[in-house]
N, C-alpha and C. Protein backbone atom coordinates (compact mmCIF):
# COMPACT_ATOMS: atom_id res chain seq x y z
N UNK A 1 -24.04 98.52 86.89
CA UNK A 1 -24.48 97.17 85.91
C UNK A 1 -25.42 96.22 86.85
N UNK A 2 -25.28 96.48 88.04
CA UNK A 2 -25.26 95.31 89.04
C UNK A 2 -27.31 95.69 88.66
N UNK A 3 -27.43 96.65 88.75
CA UNK A 3 -28.92 96.94 89.13
C UNK A 3 -29.28 96.30 87.13
N UNK A 4 -29.49 96.96 87.17
CA UNK A 4 -29.29 96.02 84.84
C UNK A 4 -29.84 94.21 85.24
N UNK A 5 -28.36 93.94 85.61
CA UNK A 5 -28.72 92.15 86.24
C UNK A 5 -29.74 91.80 87.03
N UNK A 6 -30.21 92.39 88.59
CA UNK A 6 -30.76 92.37 89.78
C UNK A 6 -32.48 93.10 88.30
N UNK A 7 -32.40 93.65 87.81
CA UNK A 7 -33.62 93.66 86.54
C UNK A 7 -34.11 92.83 85.73
N UNK A 8 -32.60 92.49 84.63
CA UNK A 8 -33.15 91.74 83.93
C UNK A 8 -32.15 90.25 84.25
N UNK A 9 -32.60 89.64 85.20
CA UNK A 9 -31.64 88.74 85.48
C UNK A 9 -31.78 87.58 84.03
N UNK A 10 -32.04 87.62 83.06
CA UNK A 10 -31.68 87.47 82.48
C UNK A 10 -30.73 86.83 81.31
N UNK A 11 -29.06 88.58 81.48
CA UNK A 11 -28.98 88.84 80.91
C UNK A 11 -27.73 88.80 82.00
N UNK A 12 -27.74 88.34 83.05
CA UNK A 12 -26.72 87.20 84.15
C UNK A 12 -25.14 87.06 83.33
N UNK A 13 -25.26 86.12 82.62
CA UNK A 13 -24.25 85.63 81.28
C UNK A 13 -23.87 86.78 80.27
N UNK A 14 -24.09 87.62 79.89
CA UNK A 14 -23.54 88.39 79.35
C UNK A 14 -22.49 89.75 79.96
N UNK A 15 -21.24 89.71 78.33
CA UNK A 15 -20.61 91.36 79.07
C UNK A 15 -21.46 92.91 78.73
N UNK A 16 -21.91 92.79 80.03
CA UNK A 16 -22.63 94.44 80.04
C UNK A 16 -21.49 94.79 79.72
N UNK A 17 -21.57 96.54 78.30
CA UNK A 17 -20.72 97.20 78.17
C UNK A 17 -21.29 98.44 78.29
N UNK A 18 -22.50 98.78 77.13
CA UNK A 18 -22.77 100.18 78.10
C UNK A 18 -24.80 99.55 78.31
N UNK A 19 -25.15 101.36 78.67
CA UNK A 19 -27.08 101.54 78.63
C UNK A 19 -27.22 102.23 78.43
N UNK A 20 -27.95 102.70 77.61
CA UNK A 20 -27.37 104.56 77.44
C UNK A 20 -28.59 105.20 77.42
N UNK A 21 -30.18 105.86 78.13
CA UNK A 21 -31.60 106.15 77.95
C UNK A 21 -31.62 107.17 76.99
N UNK A 22 -32.69 106.94 76.42
CA UNK A 22 -32.41 108.02 75.34
C UNK A 22 -34.54 108.60 75.39
N UNK A 23 -34.26 108.99 75.70
CA UNK A 23 -36.29 109.51 75.64
C UNK A 23 -37.68 108.16 76.44
N UNK A 24 -37.69 107.95 75.42
CA UNK A 24 -38.69 106.36 76.34
C UNK A 24 -38.03 105.01 76.15
N UNK A 25 -36.58 105.54 75.49
CA UNK A 25 -35.91 103.65 75.49
C UNK A 25 -34.94 103.33 75.75
N UNK A 26 -34.25 102.64 76.20
CA UNK A 26 -33.21 101.85 76.87
C UNK A 26 -32.79 101.33 75.58
N UNK A 27 -31.15 101.48 76.00
CA UNK A 27 -30.72 100.67 74.85
C UNK A 27 -29.41 100.15 76.00
N UNK A 28 -29.58 98.70 75.88
CA UNK A 28 -28.23 97.65 76.89
C UNK A 28 -27.78 97.65 75.35
N UNK A 29 -26.27 97.59 75.71
CA UNK A 29 -24.95 96.77 74.44
C UNK A 29 -24.39 95.98 75.82
N UNK A 30 -24.46 94.73 75.30
CA UNK A 30 -24.01 93.30 76.08
C UNK A 30 -23.84 92.30 74.65
N UNK A 31 -22.52 91.62 75.02
CA UNK A 31 -22.52 90.95 74.24
C UNK A 31 -21.81 89.08 74.73
N UNK A 32 -21.69 88.62 74.49
CA UNK A 32 -22.08 86.80 74.55
C UNK A 32 -20.42 86.91 75.20
N UNK A 33 -20.24 85.02 76.55
CA UNK A 33 -19.03 85.42 76.69
C UNK A 33 -18.07 84.18 76.11
N UNK A 34 -19.20 83.80 74.69
CA UNK A 34 -18.95 82.39 74.23
C UNK A 34 -16.79 82.31 74.12
N UNK A 35 -16.87 81.61 74.02
CA UNK A 35 -14.73 80.71 73.64
C UNK A 35 -14.99 80.14 72.91
N UNK A 36 -15.19 79.04 72.86
CA UNK A 36 -15.45 78.44 71.35
C UNK A 36 -16.74 77.31 71.25
N UNK A 37 -17.13 76.97 70.31
CA UNK A 37 -18.42 76.62 69.33
C UNK A 37 -18.51 74.90 69.04
N UNK A 38 -19.33 74.24 69.49
CA UNK A 38 -19.68 73.60 67.88
C UNK A 38 -19.44 73.24 66.77
N UNK A 39 -19.41 72.48 65.59
CA UNK A 39 -19.30 72.53 63.83
C UNK A 39 -20.93 71.88 64.44
N UNK A 40 -21.88 72.40 63.95
CA UNK A 40 -23.41 71.56 64.09
C UNK A 40 -23.34 70.52 62.46
N UNK A 41 -22.32 71.10 61.48
CA UNK A 41 -22.39 69.83 59.97
C UNK A 41 -21.62 68.67 61.64
N UNK A 42 -20.11 68.80 61.89
CA UNK A 42 -19.26 67.66 62.16
C UNK A 42 -18.62 67.67 63.58
N UNK A 43 -19.75 68.69 64.60
CA UNK A 43 -19.10 68.32 65.65
C UNK A 43 -17.75 68.38 66.58
N UNK A 44 -16.93 69.18 65.83
CA UNK A 44 -15.87 68.91 66.33
C UNK A 44 -16.13 70.98 66.94
N UNK A 45 -15.77 70.89 68.17
CA UNK A 45 -14.87 71.70 68.86
C UNK A 45 -14.00 73.33 68.26
N UNK A 46 -14.58 74.16 67.90
CA UNK A 46 -13.43 75.05 67.75
C UNK A 46 -13.23 76.51 68.20
N UNK A 47 -12.16 77.54 68.69
CA UNK A 47 -11.94 78.33 69.67
C UNK A 47 -12.00 80.14 68.69
N UNK A 48 -11.65 79.04 66.83
CA UNK A 48 -10.49 80.18 65.82
C UNK A 48 -12.70 80.99 64.82
N UNK A 49 -11.51 82.32 65.79
CA UNK A 49 -13.00 83.82 65.92
C UNK A 49 -13.42 84.11 64.12
N UNK A 50 -13.74 83.89 63.35
CA UNK A 50 -14.47 84.08 62.65
C UNK A 50 -15.00 85.61 61.79
N UNK A 51 -15.80 85.97 62.89
CA UNK A 51 -15.55 87.53 63.15
C UNK A 51 -16.99 87.43 63.84
N UNK A 52 -17.67 88.33 64.31
CA UNK A 52 -18.83 88.53 64.79
C UNK A 52 -20.24 89.33 64.93
N UNK A 53 -21.08 89.60 64.64
CA UNK A 53 -22.60 90.63 64.42
C UNK A 53 -23.11 90.79 65.39
N UNK A 54 -24.29 91.66 65.50
CA UNK A 54 -25.12 92.37 66.45
C UNK A 54 -26.22 91.68 66.17
N UNK A 55 -26.54 91.13 67.43
CA UNK A 55 -28.79 91.42 66.84
C UNK A 55 -28.97 92.54 68.25
N UNK A 56 -29.90 92.46 67.72
CA UNK A 56 -31.15 93.85 67.86
C UNK A 56 -32.22 92.87 68.89
N UNK A 57 -32.43 93.15 70.10
CA UNK A 57 -33.81 92.45 70.00
C UNK A 57 -34.35 92.92 71.41
N UNK A 58 -36.32 93.63 71.09
CA UNK A 58 -36.87 94.08 72.13
C UNK A 58 -36.34 93.36 73.38
N UNK A 59 -36.47 93.72 74.50
CA UNK A 59 -36.94 93.16 75.58
C UNK A 59 -38.04 93.70 76.58
N UNK A 60 -38.56 93.54 77.77
CA UNK A 60 -39.85 93.67 78.32
C UNK A 60 -39.04 94.81 78.75
N UNK A 61 -40.33 95.59 78.69
CA UNK A 61 -40.17 96.86 79.15
C UNK A 61 -40.04 97.31 80.53
N UNK A 62 -39.32 98.29 80.85
CA UNK A 62 -38.56 98.42 81.92
C UNK A 62 -39.57 100.16 82.47
N UNK A 63 -39.73 100.19 83.17
CA UNK A 63 -40.39 101.23 84.21
C UNK A 63 -40.78 102.31 82.79
N UNK A 64 -40.82 102.31 82.55
CA UNK A 64 -42.17 102.42 80.98
C UNK A 64 -41.44 102.77 80.59
N UNK A 65 -39.52 101.77 79.64
CA UNK A 65 -39.08 102.84 79.16
C UNK A 65 -39.46 101.51 78.49
N UNK A 66 -39.08 101.45 77.27
CA UNK A 66 -39.34 100.44 75.71
C UNK A 66 -37.68 100.05 76.24
N UNK A 67 -36.73 99.25 76.01
CA UNK A 67 -35.78 98.04 75.75
C UNK A 67 -35.40 97.63 75.40
N UNK A 68 -33.80 98.01 74.15
CA UNK A 68 -34.25 97.71 73.60
C UNK A 68 -32.36 97.12 73.51
N UNK A 69 -31.22 95.92 74.05
CA UNK A 69 -30.96 94.62 73.52
C UNK A 69 -29.98 94.49 71.98
N UNK A 70 -28.92 95.22 72.35
CA UNK A 70 -27.82 95.37 71.00
C UNK A 70 -26.82 94.41 71.75
N UNK A 71 -27.04 92.97 71.11
CA UNK A 71 -26.62 91.76 71.01
C UNK A 71 -25.45 91.13 70.72
N UNK A 72 -24.10 91.69 71.12
CA UNK A 72 -22.94 91.43 70.04
C UNK A 72 -22.82 88.89 70.43
N UNK A 73 -23.19 89.93 68.65
CA UNK A 73 -22.67 86.91 68.99
C UNK A 73 -21.50 87.28 67.73
N UNK A 74 -20.25 86.02 68.91
CA UNK A 74 -19.38 85.47 68.28
C UNK A 74 -19.28 84.44 66.70
N UNK A 75 -18.62 84.33 65.96
CA UNK A 75 -18.76 83.50 64.83
C UNK A 75 -17.66 82.16 64.99
N UNK A 76 -17.39 81.39 65.13
CA UNK A 76 -16.49 80.48 65.04
C UNK A 76 -16.26 80.10 63.65
N UNK A 77 -15.34 79.28 63.10
CA UNK A 77 -14.87 78.58 62.43
C UNK A 77 -14.19 77.13 62.99
N UNK A 78 -14.90 76.27 61.60
CA UNK A 78 -15.23 75.25 61.90
C UNK A 78 -13.02 74.60 61.01
N UNK A 79 -12.34 74.63 62.32
CA UNK A 79 -11.05 73.80 62.04
C UNK A 79 -10.76 72.10 60.77
N UNK A 80 -11.53 71.70 61.19
CA UNK A 80 -11.75 71.01 61.17
C UNK A 80 -12.20 69.98 59.27
N UNK A 81 -13.16 70.99 59.11
CA UNK A 81 -13.41 71.43 57.25
C UNK A 81 -12.81 72.34 57.18
N UNK A 82 -12.54 73.31 57.34
CA UNK A 82 -12.13 74.63 56.79
C UNK A 82 -13.13 75.04 56.05
N UNK A 83 -14.26 75.49 57.22
CA UNK A 83 -15.31 76.12 56.49
C UNK A 83 -15.78 76.79 57.53
N UNK A 84 -16.69 78.29 57.79
CA UNK A 84 -17.23 79.15 58.50
C UNK A 84 -18.22 77.79 59.42
N UNK A 85 -18.38 77.60 60.83
CA UNK A 85 -18.73 76.98 61.32
C UNK A 85 -20.00 77.88 61.76
N UNK A 86 -19.91 79.38 61.11
CA UNK A 86 -20.55 80.19 61.34
C UNK A 86 -21.48 80.35 60.25
N UNK A 87 -21.97 80.22 60.00
CA UNK A 87 -22.96 80.06 58.85
C UNK A 87 -24.40 80.12 59.81
N UNK A 88 -24.22 80.72 60.43
CA UNK A 88 -26.03 80.75 61.07
C UNK A 88 -27.01 79.77 60.92
N UNK A 89 -27.24 78.73 59.85
CA UNK A 89 -28.19 77.99 59.69
C UNK A 89 -27.98 76.44 60.31
N UNK A 90 -26.46 76.58 60.40
CA UNK A 90 -25.69 74.53 60.53
C UNK A 90 -24.99 74.99 61.50
N UNK A 91 -24.72 76.18 62.44
CA UNK A 91 -23.87 76.48 63.86
C UNK A 91 -23.38 77.32 63.74
N UNK A 92 -22.20 77.23 64.96
CA UNK A 92 -20.83 78.17 65.22
C UNK A 92 -21.22 79.73 65.52
N UNK A 93 -22.24 79.96 65.54
CA UNK A 93 -22.61 81.38 66.10
C UNK A 93 -24.24 81.26 67.66
N UNK A 94 -23.62 81.60 68.48
CA UNK A 94 -23.64 81.65 69.91
C UNK A 94 -24.30 82.09 70.08
N UNK A 95 -25.77 82.07 70.63
CA UNK A 95 -26.01 83.25 71.28
C UNK A 95 -26.84 82.83 72.42
N UNK A 96 -26.95 83.50 74.24
CA UNK A 96 -27.24 82.56 75.11
C UNK A 96 -28.44 82.29 74.88
N UNK A 97 -28.73 81.22 74.87
CA UNK A 97 -30.51 80.98 74.96
C UNK A 97 -31.32 81.54 75.85
N UNK A 98 -31.44 81.76 76.54
CA UNK A 98 -32.61 82.47 77.72
C UNK A 98 -32.79 83.99 77.42
N UNK A 99 -31.39 84.59 76.57
CA UNK A 99 -31.52 85.78 75.58
C UNK A 99 -32.21 85.83 75.13
N UNK A 100 -31.50 85.13 73.77
CA UNK A 100 -31.81 84.99 72.61
C UNK A 100 -31.86 83.71 72.41
N UNK A 101 -33.68 83.42 71.99
CA UNK A 101 -33.59 82.20 71.29
C UNK A 101 -33.20 82.27 69.52
N UNK A 102 -32.82 80.77 70.06
CA UNK A 102 -33.15 80.16 68.39
C UNK A 102 -33.58 80.80 66.61
N UNK A 103 -32.72 80.66 65.70
CA UNK A 103 -34.26 80.97 65.13
C UNK A 103 -34.36 80.23 63.35
N UNK A 104 -34.68 79.60 63.14
CA UNK A 104 -34.46 78.44 61.96
C UNK A 104 -33.76 77.39 62.39
N UNK A 105 -33.24 77.23 61.16
CA UNK A 105 -32.70 75.68 60.67
C UNK A 105 -31.73 76.05 62.34
N UNK A 106 -31.19 74.82 63.18
CA UNK A 106 -29.68 74.61 63.28
C UNK A 106 -30.01 75.68 64.28
N UNK A 107 -30.06 76.81 65.16
CA UNK A 107 -30.96 77.82 65.33
C UNK A 107 -29.59 78.45 64.63
N UNK A 108 -28.76 79.95 66.04
CA UNK A 108 -27.91 80.74 66.26
C UNK A 108 -28.12 81.34 66.82
């Protein structure tokens, strides 16, 4: 996996799980290493996992191959408010901004 990090240095902070080459495409399965997140509504930090989801992102071409990054992102629950802090519009879902820029109000 070191070759992938050497060619795509913005993936350094991720846990690389698999690289699959098929035809003209390369799929990289990766996950964030986030272990806690702050609630966007109240700012409380939480390590209580609510769940996760996969974002699929097109990346730069690599040796003529299209690259798809399947990024698993963790979602956390706000322990103070007893509601999912994982509401992507408010907080909790954290992907590495160097890999996957935030989208919509509040990021995610």
